[in-house]
Amino acid sequence: MDLSTIRKKLQKKDNSHYSAPEELVTDVRLMFWNCAKFNYCGSTEWLFFPLQPDSEVAEAGRCLDELFEDKLKEIYPDRHFPSMQQDDSDSEGVE
């Protein structure tokens, strides 16, 4: 998953556009999961434990993930979005 795919799916004219906030949240979390997987020495641990990033990309992903989750709580204070499960991530490739 990547930002260009998310942007495309935000447009109503796209056949696979988001029909619910949960779909967007799932894709954004998948994007951050993939960021951790491919930029933290192959690890997604930063999503669960605070680790030192090993690159600028990893640090940017971690910071954006925190910002996204904070804004999500601000926009939907009474709503719970299911957490990503490890097996939900993209398989070998990035979409």
PDB file of N, CA and C in Angstrom:
ATOM      1  N   MET A   1       0.853  -1.182   0.000  1.00  0.00           N
ATOM      2  CA  MET A   1       0.000   0.000   0.000  1.00  0.00           C
ATOM      3  C   MET A   1       0.893   1.237   0.000  1.00  0.00           C
ATOM      4  N   ASP A   2       0.465   2.268  -0.697  1.00  0.00           N
ATOM      5  CA  ASP A   2       1.226   3.509  -0.747  1.00  0.00           C
ATOM      6  C   ASP A   2       0.265   4.698  -0.841  1.00  0.00           C
ATOM      7  N   LEU A   3       0.825   5.895  -0.681  1.00  0.00           N
ATOM      8  CA  LEU A   3      -0.011   7.105  -0.664  1.00  0.00           C
ATOM      9  C   LEU A   3      -0.727   7.354  -1.984  1.00  0.00           C
ATOM     10  N   SER A   4      -0.104   7.009  -3.110  1.00  0.00           N
ATOM     11  CA  SER A   4      -0.772   7.256  -4.395  1.00  0.00           C
ATOM     12  C   SER A   4      -2.016   6.363  -4.543  1.00  0.00           C
ATOM     13  N   THR A   5      -1.944   5.141  -4.047  1.00  0.00           N
ATOM     14  CA  THR A   5      -3.105   4.255  -4.078  1.00  0.00           C
ATOM     15  C   THR A   5      -4.204   4.778  -3.159  1.00  0.00           C
ATOM     16  N   ILE A   6      -3.811   5.223  -1.975  1.00  0.00           N
ATOM     17  CA  ILE A   6      -4.776   5.787  -1.023  1.00  0.00           C
ATOM     18  C   ILE A   6      -5.438   7.028  -1.625  1.00  0.00           C
ATOM     19  N   ARG A   7      -4.648   7.878  -2.222  1.00  0.00           N
ATOM     20  CA  ARG A   7      -5.188   9.099  -2.842  1.00  0.00           C
ATOM     21  C   ARG A   7      -6.200   8.751  -3.934  1.00  0.00           C
ATOM     22  N   LYS A   8      -5.849   7.783  -4.763  1.00  0.00           N
ATOM     23  CA  LYS A   8      -6.747   7.354  -5.845  1.00  0.00           C
ATOM     24  C   LYS A   8      -8.065   6.842  -5.265  1.00  0.00           C
ATOM     25  N   LYS A   9      -7.993   6.043  -4.196  1.00  0.00           N
ATOM     26  CA  LYS A   9      -9.196   5.460  -3.601  1.00  0.00           C
ATOM     27  C   LYS A   9     -10.030   6.490  -2.836  1.00  0.00           C
ATOM     28  N   LEU A  10      -9.478   7.660  -2.582  1.00  0.00           N
ATOM     29  CA  LEU A  10     -10.238   8.734  -1.945  1.00  0.00           C
ATOM     30  C   LEU A  10     -11.164   9.439  -2.937  1.00  0.00           C
ATOM     31  N   GLN A  11     -10.902   9.251  -4.222  1.00  0.00           N
ATOM     32  CA  GLN A  11     -11.711   9.894  -5.248  1.00  0.00           C
ATOM     33  C   GLN A  11     -12.922   9.030  -5.575  1.00  0.00           C
ATOM     34  N   LYS A  12     -14.090   9.626  -5.456  1.00  0.00           N
ATOM     35  CA  LYS A  12     -15.341   8.883  -5.644  1.00  0.00           C
ATOM     36  C   LYS A  12     -15.473   8.280  -7.036  1.00  0.00           C
ATOM     37  N   LYS A  13     -14.838   8.898  -8.025  1.00  0.00           N
ATOM     38  CA  LYS A  13     -14.948   8.386  -9.394  1.00  0.00           C
ATOM     39  C   LYS A  13     -14.188   7.067  -9.583  1.00  0.00           C
ATOM     40  N   ASP A  14     -13.301   6.732  -8.650  1.00  0.00           N
ATOM     41  CA  ASP A  14     -12.580   5.470  -8.718  1.00  0.00           C
ATOM     42  C   ASP A  14     -13.511   4.327  -8.317  1.00  0.00           C
ATOM     43  N   ASN A  15     -13.497   3.244  -9.082  1.00  0.00           N
ATOM     44  CA  ASN A  15     -14.384   2.107  -8.798  1.00  0.00           C
ATOM     45  C   ASN A  15     -14.131   1.478  -7.433  1.00  0.00           C
ATOM     46  N   SER A  16     -12.903   1.557  -6.957  1.00  0.00           N
ATOM     47  CA  SER A  16     -12.576   0.940  -5.664  1.00  0.00           C
ATOM     48  C   SER A  16     -12.456   2.000  -4.559  1.00  0.00           C
ATOM     49  N   HIS A  17     -13.227   3.093  -4.674  1.00  0.00           N
ATOM     50  CA  HIS A  17     -13.133   4.165  -3.678  1.00  0.00           C
ATOM     51  C   HIS A  17     -13.601   3.670  -2.301  1.00  0.00           C
ATOM     52  N   TYR A  18     -13.119   4.379  -1.292  1.00  0.00           N
ATOM     53  CA  TYR A  18     -13.489   4.026   0.077  1.00  0.00           C
ATOM     54  C   TYR A  18     -14.965   4.312   0.308  1.00  0.00           C
ATOM     55  N   SER A  19     -15.632   3.373   0.949  1.00  0.00           N
ATOM     56  CA  SER A  19     -17.042   3.586   1.264  1.00  0.00           C
ATOM     57  C   SER A  19     -17.258   3.768   2.762  1.00  0.00           C
ATOM     58  N   ALA A  20     -16.195   3.591   3.540  1.00  0.00           N
ATOM     59  CA  ALA A  20     -16.296   3.753   4.995  1.00  0.00           C
ATOM     60  C   ALA A  20     -14.937   4.158   5.543  1.00  0.00           C
ATOM     61  N   PRO A  21     -14.921   4.922   6.634  1.00  0.00           N
ATOM     62  CA  PRO A  21     -13.645   5.340   7.233  1.00  0.00           C
ATOM     63  C   PRO A  21     -12.751   4.154   7.609  1.00  0.00           C
ATOM     64  N   GLU A  22     -13.354   3.036   7.995  1.00  0.00           N
ATOM     65  CA  GLU A  22     -12.571   1.858   8.376  1.00  0.00           C
ATOM     66  C   GLU A  22     -11.665   1.382   7.249  1.00  0.00           C
ATOM     67  N   GLU A  23     -12.148   1.493   6.018  1.00  0.00           N
ATOM     68  CA  GLU A  23     -11.357   1.071   4.862  1.00  0.00           C
ATOM     69  C   GLU A  23     -10.118   1.947   4.701  1.00  0.00           C
ATOM     70  N   LEU A  24     -10.289   3.251   4.858  1.00  0.00           N
ATOM     71  CA  LEU A  24      -9.162   4.180   4.775  1.00  0.00           C
ATOM     72  C   LEU A  24      -8.167   3.903   5.895  1.00  0.00           C
ATOM     73  N   VAL A  25      -8.666   3.764   7.106  1.00  0.00           N
ATOM     74  CA  VAL A  25      -7.794   3.517   8.260  1.00  0.00           C
ATOM     75  C   VAL A  25      -6.994   2.231   8.050  1.00  0.00           C
ATOM     76  N   THR A  26      -7.631   1.195   7.553  1.00  0.00           N
ATOM     77  CA  THR A  26      -6.943  -0.069   7.296  1.00  0.00           C
ATOM     78  C   THR A  26      -5.810   0.110   6.297  1.00  0.00           C
ATOM     79  N   ASP A  27      -6.064   0.835   5.210  1.00  0.00           N
ATOM     80  CA  ASP A  27      -5.027   1.050   4.202  1.00  0.00           C
ATOM     81  C   ASP A  27      -3.883   1.908   4.722  1.00  0.00           C
ATOM     82  N   VAL A  28      -4.203   2.953   5.468  1.00  0.00           N
ATOM     83  CA  VAL A  28      -3.148   3.822   6.010  1.00  0.00           C
ATOM     84  C   VAL A  28      -2.292   3.029   6.992  1.00  0.00           C
ATOM     85  N   ARG A  29      -2.921   2.241   7.842  1.00  0.00           N
ATOM     86  CA  ARG A  29      -2.151   1.423   8.783  1.00  0.00           C
ATOM     87  C   ARG A  29      -1.303   0.390   8.051  1.00  0.00           C
ATOM     88  N   LEU A  30      -1.826  -0.169   6.972  1.00  0.00           N
ATOM     89  CA  LEU A  30      -1.054  -1.110   6.166  1.00  0.00           C
ATOM     90  C   LEU A  30       0.170  -0.418   5.573  1.00  0.00           C
ATOM     91  N   MET A  31      -0.003   0.812   5.116  1.00  0.00           N
ATOM     92  CA  MET A  31       1.122   1.567   4.570  1.00  0.00           C
ATOM     93  C   MET A  31       2.211   1.753   5.627  1.00  0.00           C
ATOM     94  N   PHE A  32       1.825   2.108   6.861  1.00  0.00           N
ATOM     95  CA  PHE A  32       2.808   2.288   7.925  1.00  0.00           C
ATOM     96  C   PHE A  32       3.443   0.956   8.327  1.00  0.00           C
ATOM     97  N   TRP A  33       2.657  -0.105   8.310  1.00  0.00           N
ATOM     98  CA  TRP A  33       3.190  -1.434   8.600  1.00  0.00           C
ATOM     99  C   TRP A  33       4.286  -1.785   7.581  1.00  0.00           C
ATOM    100  N   ASN A  34       3.992  -1.528   6.311  1.00  0.00           N
ATOM    101  CA  ASN A  34       4.969  -1.812   5.262  1.00  0.00           C
ATOM    102  C   ASN A  34       6.202  -0.924   5.397  1.00  0.00           C
ATOM    103  N   CYS A  35       5.997   0.309   5.801  1.00  0.00           N
ATOM    104  CA  CYS A  35       7.127   1.217   6.019  1.00  0.00           C
ATOM    105  C   CYS A  35       8.060   0.637   7.073  1.00  0.00           C
ATOM    106  N   ALA A  36       7.496   0.152   8.155  1.00  0.00           N
ATOM    107  CA  ALA A  36       8.308  -0.450   9.220  1.00  0.00           C
ATOM    108  C   ALA A  36       8.987  -1.720   8.706  1.00  0.00           C
ATOM    109  N   LYS A  37       8.227  -2.526   7.990  1.00  0.00           N
ATOM    110  CA  LYS A  37       8.750  -3.806   7.509  1.00  0.00           C
ATOM    111  C   LYS A  37       9.961  -3.621   6.601  1.00  0.00           C
ATOM    112  N   PHE A  38       9.920  -2.612   5.740  1.00  0.00           N
ATOM    113  CA  PHE A  38      10.978  -2.437   4.755  1.00  0.00           C
ATOM    114  C   PHE A  38      12.028  -1.396   5.128  1.00  0.00           C
ATOM    115  N   ASN A  39      11.849  -0.680   6.241  1.00  0.00           N
ATOM    116  CA  ASN A  39      12.802   0.367   6.595  1.00  0.00           C
ATOM    117  C   ASN A  39      13.370   0.253   8.006  1.00  0.00           C
ATOM    118  N   TYR A  40      12.976  -0.730   8.761  1.00  0.00           N
ATOM    119  CA  TYR A  40      13.521  -0.968  10.088  1.00  0.00           C
ATOM    120  C   TYR A  40      14.179  -2.335  10.111  1.00  0.00           C
ATOM    121  N   CYS A  41      15.208  -2.514   9.314  1.00  0.00           N
ATOM    122  CA  CYS A  41      15.929  -3.794   9.251  1.00  0.00           C
ATOM    123  C   CYS A  41      14.963  -4.963   9.119  1.00  0.00           C
ATOM    124  N   GLY A  42      13.910  -4.794   8.329  1.00  0.00           N
ATOM    125  CA  GLY A  42      12.943  -5.863   8.115  1.00  0.00           C
ATOM    126  C   GLY A  42      12.026  -6.108   9.287  1.00  0.00           C
ATOM    127  N   SER A  43      11.959  -5.165  10.226  1.00  0.00           N
ATOM    128  CA  SER A  43      11.169  -5.367  11.436  1.00  0.00           C
ATOM    129  C   SER A  43       9.991  -4.415  11.498  1.00  0.00           C
ATOM    130  N   THR A  44       8.887  -4.877  12.061  1.00  0.00           N
ATOM    131  CA  THR A  44       7.729  -4.018  12.303  1.00  0.00           C
ATOM    132  C   THR A  44       7.576  -3.749  13.791  1.00  0.00           C
ATOM    133  N   GLU A  45       8.633  -3.999  14.560  1.00  0.00           N
ATOM    134  CA  GLU A  45       8.558  -3.851  16.011  1.00  0.00           C
ATOM    135  C   GLU A  45       8.256  -2.430  16.458  1.00  0.00           C
ATOM    136  N   TRP A  46       8.649  -1.424  15.669  1.00  0.00           N
ATOM    137  CA  TRP A  46       8.411  -0.042  16.111  1.00  0.00           C
ATOM    138  C   TRP A  46       6.936   0.261  16.252  1.00  0.00           C
ATOM    139  N   LEU A  47       6.097  -0.553  15.615  1.00  0.00           N
ATOM    140  CA  LEU A  47       4.666  -0.348  15.770  1.00  0.00           C
ATOM    141  C   LEU A  47       4.195  -0.752  17.162  1.00  0.00           C
ATOM    142  N   PHE A  48       5.016  -1.523  17.873  1.00  0.00           N
ATOM    143  CA  PHE A  48       4.648  -2.013  19.201  1.00  0.00           C
ATOM    144  C   PHE A  48       5.600  -1.551  20.299  1.00  0.00           C
ATOM    145  N   PHE A  49       6.871  -1.374  19.958  1.00  0.00           N
ATOM    146  CA  PHE A  49       7.878  -0.975  20.942  1.00  0.00           C
ATOM    147  C   PHE A  49       8.663   0.202  20.383  1.00  0.00           C
ATOM    148  N   PRO A  50       8.942   1.216  21.199  1.00  0.00           N
ATOM    149  CA  PRO A  50       9.727   2.352  20.695  1.00  0.00           C
ATOM    150  C   PRO A  50      11.178   1.936  20.431  1.00  0.00           C
ATOM    151  N   LEU A  51      11.561   1.901  19.178  1.00  0.00           N
ATOM    152  CA  LEU A  51      12.925   1.587  18.784  1.00  0.00           C
ATOM    153  C   LEU A  51      13.544   2.799  18.122  1.00  0.00           C
ATOM    154  N   GLN A  52      14.850   2.820  18.046  1.00  0.00           N
ATOM    155  CA  GLN A  52      15.521   3.884  17.318  1.00  0.00           C
ATOM    156  C   GLN A  52      15.424   3.567  15.825  1.00  0.00           C
ATOM    157  N   PRO A  53      15.014   4.534  15.026  1.00  0.00           N
ATOM    158  CA  PRO A  53      14.936   4.292  13.580  1.00  0.00           C
ATOM    159  C   PRO A  53      16.336   4.114  13.004  1.00  0.00           C
ATOM    160  N   ASP A  54      16.440   3.325  11.955  1.00  0.00           N
ATOM    161  CA  ASP A  54      17.744   3.117  11.342  1.00  0.00           C
ATOM    162  C   ASP A  54      17.895   3.881  10.027  1.00  0.00           C
ATOM    163  N   SER A  55      16.913   4.732   9.704  1.00  0.00           N
ATOM    164  CA  SER A  55      17.015   5.577   8.517  1.00  0.00           C
ATOM    165  C   SER A  55      16.048   6.753   8.644  1.00  0.00           C
ATOM    166  N   GLU A  56      16.231   7.750   7.796  1.00  0.00           N
ATOM    167  CA  GLU A  56      15.318   8.898   7.793  1.00  0.00           C
ATOM    168  C   GLU A  56      13.914   8.470   7.370  1.00  0.00           C
ATOM    169  N   VAL A  57      13.834   7.520   6.458  1.00  0.00           N
ATOM    170  CA  VAL A  57      12.532   7.028   6.001  1.00  0.00           C
ATOM    171  C   VAL A  57      11.799   6.361   7.159  1.00  0.00           C
ATOM    172  N   ALA A  58      12.513   5.552   7.917  1.00  0.00           N
ATOM    173  CA  ALA A  58      11.910   4.872   9.062  1.00  0.00           C
ATOM    174  C   ALA A  58      11.419   5.886  10.092  1.00  0.00           C
ATOM    175  N   GLU A  59      12.216   6.898  10.364  1.00  0.00           N
ATOM    176  CA  GLU A  59      11.815   7.928  11.335  1.00  0.00           C
ATOM    177  C   GLU A  59      10.602   8.701  10.826  1.00  0.00           C
ATOM    178  N   ALA A  60      10.590   9.056   9.548  1.00  0.00           N
ATOM    179  CA  ALA A  60       9.447   9.771   8.973  1.00  0.00           C
ATOM    180  C   ALA A  60       8.183   8.918   9.061  1.00  0.00           C
ATOM    181  N   GLY A  61       8.291   7.640   8.776  1.00  0.00           N
ATOM    182  CA  GLY A  61       7.145   6.741   8.872  1.00  0.00           C
ATOM    183  C   GLY A  61       6.612   6.658  10.289  1.00  0.00           C
ATOM    184  N   ARG A  62       7.513   6.555  11.247  1.00  0.00           N
ATOM    185  CA  ARG A  62       7.111   6.474  12.654  1.00  0.00           C
ATOM    186  C   ARG A  62       6.396   7.751  13.075  1.00  0.00           C
ATOM    187  N   CYS A  63       6.946   8.892  12.700  1.00  0.00           N
ATOM    188  CA  CYS A  63       6.342  10.183  13.064  1.00  0.00           C
ATOM    189  C   CYS A  63       4.969  10.362  12.413  1.00  0.00           C
ATOM    190  N   LEU A  64       4.858  10.013  11.149  1.00  0.00           N
ATOM    191  CA  LEU A  64       3.570  10.136  10.456  1.00  0.00           C
ATOM    192  C   LEU A  64       2.536   9.175  11.028  1.00  0.00           C
ATOM    193  N   ASP A  65       2.974   7.991  11.419  1.00  0.00           N
ATOM    194  CA  ASP A  65       2.068   7.030  12.035  1.00  0.00           C
ATOM    195  C   ASP A  65       1.508   7.600  13.339  1.00  0.00           C
ATOM    196  N   GLU A  66       2.363   8.172  14.158  1.00  0.00           N
ATOM    197  CA  GLU A  66       1.910   8.776  15.421  1.00  0.00           C
ATOM    198  C   GLU A  66       0.934   9.920  15.159  1.00  0.00           C
ATOM    199  N   LEU A  67       1.256  10.782  14.186  1.00  0.00           N
ATOM    200  CA  LEU A  67       0.380  11.894  13.839  1.00  0.00           C
ATOM    201  C   LEU A  67      -0.971  11.389  13.350  1.00  0.00           C
ATOM    202  N   PHE A  68      -0.961  10.381  12.489  1.00  0.00           N
ATOM    203  CA  PHE A  68      -2.200   9.813  11.970  1.00  0.00           C
ATOM    204  C   PHE A  68      -3.075   9.282  13.103  1.00  0.00           C
ATOM    205  N   GLU A  69      -2.491   8.523  14.011  1.00  0.00           N
ATOM    206  CA  GLU A  69      -3.261   7.942  15.113  1.00  0.00           C
ATOM    207  C   GLU A  69      -3.798   9.031  16.047  1.00  0.00           C
ATOM    208  N   ASP A  70      -3.015  10.080  16.286  1.00  0.00           N
ATOM    209  CA  ASP A  70      -3.494  11.198  17.115  1.00  0.00           C
ATOM    210  C   ASP A  70      -4.673  11.907  16.448  1.00  0.00           C
ATOM    211  N   LYS A  71      -4.553  12.183  15.157  1.00  0.00           N
ATOM    212  CA  LYS A  71      -5.624  12.865  14.420  1.00  0.00           C
ATOM    213  C   LYS A  71      -6.872  11.989  14.321  1.00  0.00           C
ATOM    214  N   LEU A  72      -6.669  10.699  14.169  1.00  0.00           N
ATOM    215  CA  LEU A  72      -7.790   9.765  14.105  1.00  0.00           C
ATOM    216  C   LEU A  72      -8.597   9.818  15.404  1.00  0.00           C
ATOM    217  N   LYS A  73      -7.909   9.856  16.534  1.00  0.00           N
ATOM    218  CA  LYS A  73      -8.586   9.949  17.833  1.00  0.00           C
ATOM    219  C   LYS A  73      -9.294  11.294  17.992  1.00  0.00           C
ATOM    220  N   GLU A  74      -8.701  12.346  17.415  1.00  0.00           N
ATOM    221  CA  GLU A  74      -9.299  13.682  17.465  1.00  0.00           C
ATOM    222  C   GLU A  74     -10.588  13.733  16.643  1.00  0.00           C
ATOM    223  N   ILE A  75     -10.541  13.180  15.449  1.00  0.00           N
ATOM    224  CA  ILE A  75     -11.670  13.229  14.524  1.00  0.00           C
ATOM    225  C   ILE A  75     -12.783  12.264  14.942  1.00  0.00           C
ATOM    226  N   TYR A  76     -12.393  11.101  15.416  1.00  0.00           N
ATOM    227  CA  TYR A  76     -13.356  10.072  15.829  1.00  0.00           C
ATOM    228  C   TYR A  76     -13.104   9.684  17.289  1.00  0.00           C
ATOM    229  N   PRO A  77     -13.392  10.584  18.232  1.00  0.00           N
ATOM    230  CA  PRO A  77     -13.064  10.298  19.635  1.00  0.00           C
ATOM    231  C   PRO A  77     -13.810   9.108  20.231  1.00  0.00           C
ATOM    232  N   ASP A  78     -14.996   8.819  19.739  1.00  0.00           N
ATOM    233  CA  ASP A  78     -15.795   7.739  20.315  1.00  0.00           C
ATOM    234  C   ASP A  78     -15.813   6.477  19.452  1.00  0.00           C
ATOM    235  N   ARG A  79     -14.909   6.417  18.498  1.00  0.00           N
ATOM    236  CA  ARG A  79     -14.921   5.283  17.574  1.00  0.00           C
ATOM    237  C   ARG A  79     -13.653   4.457  17.734  1.00  0.00           C
ATOM    238  N   HIS A  80     -13.811   3.145  17.687  1.00  0.00           N
ATOM    239  CA  HIS A  80     -12.661   2.243  17.770  1.00  0.00           C
ATOM    240  C   HIS A  80     -12.430   1.605  16.407  1.00  0.00           C
ATOM    241  N   PHE A  81     -11.211   1.724  15.923  1.00  0.00           N
ATOM    242  CA  PHE A  81     -10.830   1.086  14.670  1.00  0.00           C
ATOM    243  C   PHE A  81      -9.936  -0.100  15.009  1.00  0.00           C
ATOM    244  N   PRO A  82     -10.256  -1.284  14.492  1.00  0.00           N
ATOM    245  CA  PRO A  82      -9.442  -2.467  14.809  1.00  0.00           C
ATOM    246  C   PRO A  82      -7.978  -2.262  14.441  1.00  0.00           C
ATOM    247  N   SER A  83      -7.114  -2.802  15.271  1.00  0.00           N
ATOM    248  CA  SER A  83      -5.675  -2.706  15.016  1.00  0.00           C
ATOM    249  C   SER A  83      -5.275  -3.645  13.886  1.00  0.00           C
ATOM    250  N   MET A  84      -4.176  -3.286  13.240  1.00  0.00           N
ATOM    251  CA  MET A  84      -3.626  -4.152  12.195  1.00  0.00           C
ATOM    252  C   MET A  84      -3.093  -5.424  12.831  1.00  0.00           C
ATOM    253  N   GLN A  85      -3.311  -6.534  12.179  1.00  0.00           N
ATOM    254  CA  GLN A  85      -2.717  -7.798  12.598  1.00  0.00           C
ATOM    255  C   GLN A  85      -1.520  -8.063  11.696  1.00  0.00           C
ATOM    256  N   GLN A  86      -0.538  -8.736  12.214  1.00  0.00           N
ATOM    257  CA  GLN A  86       0.685  -8.985  11.455  1.00  0.00           C
ATOM    258  C   GLN A  86       0.406  -9.662  10.122  1.00  0.00           C
ATOM    259  N   ASP A  87      -0.546 -10.571  10.061  1.00  0.00           N
ATOM    260  CA  ASP A  87      -0.839 -11.275   8.825  1.00  0.00           C
ATOM    261  C   ASP A  87      -1.653 -10.451   7.844  1.00  0.00           C
ATOM    262  N   ASP A  88      -2.051  -9.212   8.211  1.00  0.00           N
ATOM    263  CA  ASP A  88      -2.781  -8.328   7.312  1.00  0.00           C
ATOM    264  C   ASP A  88      -1.862  -7.593   6.355  1.00  0.00           C
ATOM    265  N   SER A  89      -0.558  -7.605   6.604  1.00  0.00           N
ATOM    266  CA  SER A  89       0.353  -6.820   5.802  1.00  0.00           C
ATOM    267  C   SER A  89       0.450  -7.369   4.384  1.00  0.00           C
ATOM    268  N   ASP A  90       0.898  -6.519   3.472  1.00  0.00           N
ATOM    269  CA  ASP A  90       1.137  -6.974   2.109  1.00  0.00           C
ATOM    270  C   ASP A  90       2.085  -8.146   2.158  1.00  0.00           C
ATOM    271  N   SER A  91       1.923  -9.117   1.265  1.00  0.00           N
ATOM    272  CA  SER A  91       2.793 -10.273   1.295  1.00  0.00           C
ATOM    273  C   SER A  91       4.223  -9.863   0.953  1.00  0.00           C
ATOM    274  N   GLU A  92       4.779 -10.303  -0.107  1.00  0.00           N
ATOM    275  CA  GLU A  92       6.164  -9.983  -0.407  1.00  0.00           C
ATOM    276  C   GLU A  92       6.340  -8.576  -0.951  1.00  0.00           C
ATOM    277  N   GLY A  93       5.460  -8.159  -1.827  1.00  0.00           N
ATOM    278  CA  GLY A  93       5.660  -6.873  -2.471  1.00  0.00           C
ATOM    279  C   GLY A  93       4.844  -5.769  -1.855  1.00  0.00           C
ATOM    280  N   VAL A  94       5.189  -4.553  -2.220  1.00  0.00           N
ATOM    281  CA  VAL A  94       4.423  -3.396  -1.771  1.00  0.00           C
ATOM    282  C   VAL A  94       3.479  -3.040  -2.889  1.00  0.00           C
ATOM    283  N   GLU A  95       2.229  -2.810  -2.556  1.00  0.00           N
ATOM    284  CA  GLU A  95       1.229  -2.462  -3.559  1.00  0.00           C
ATOM    285  C   GLU A  95       1.518  -1.123  -4.159  1.00  0.00           C
TER     286      GLU A  95
END
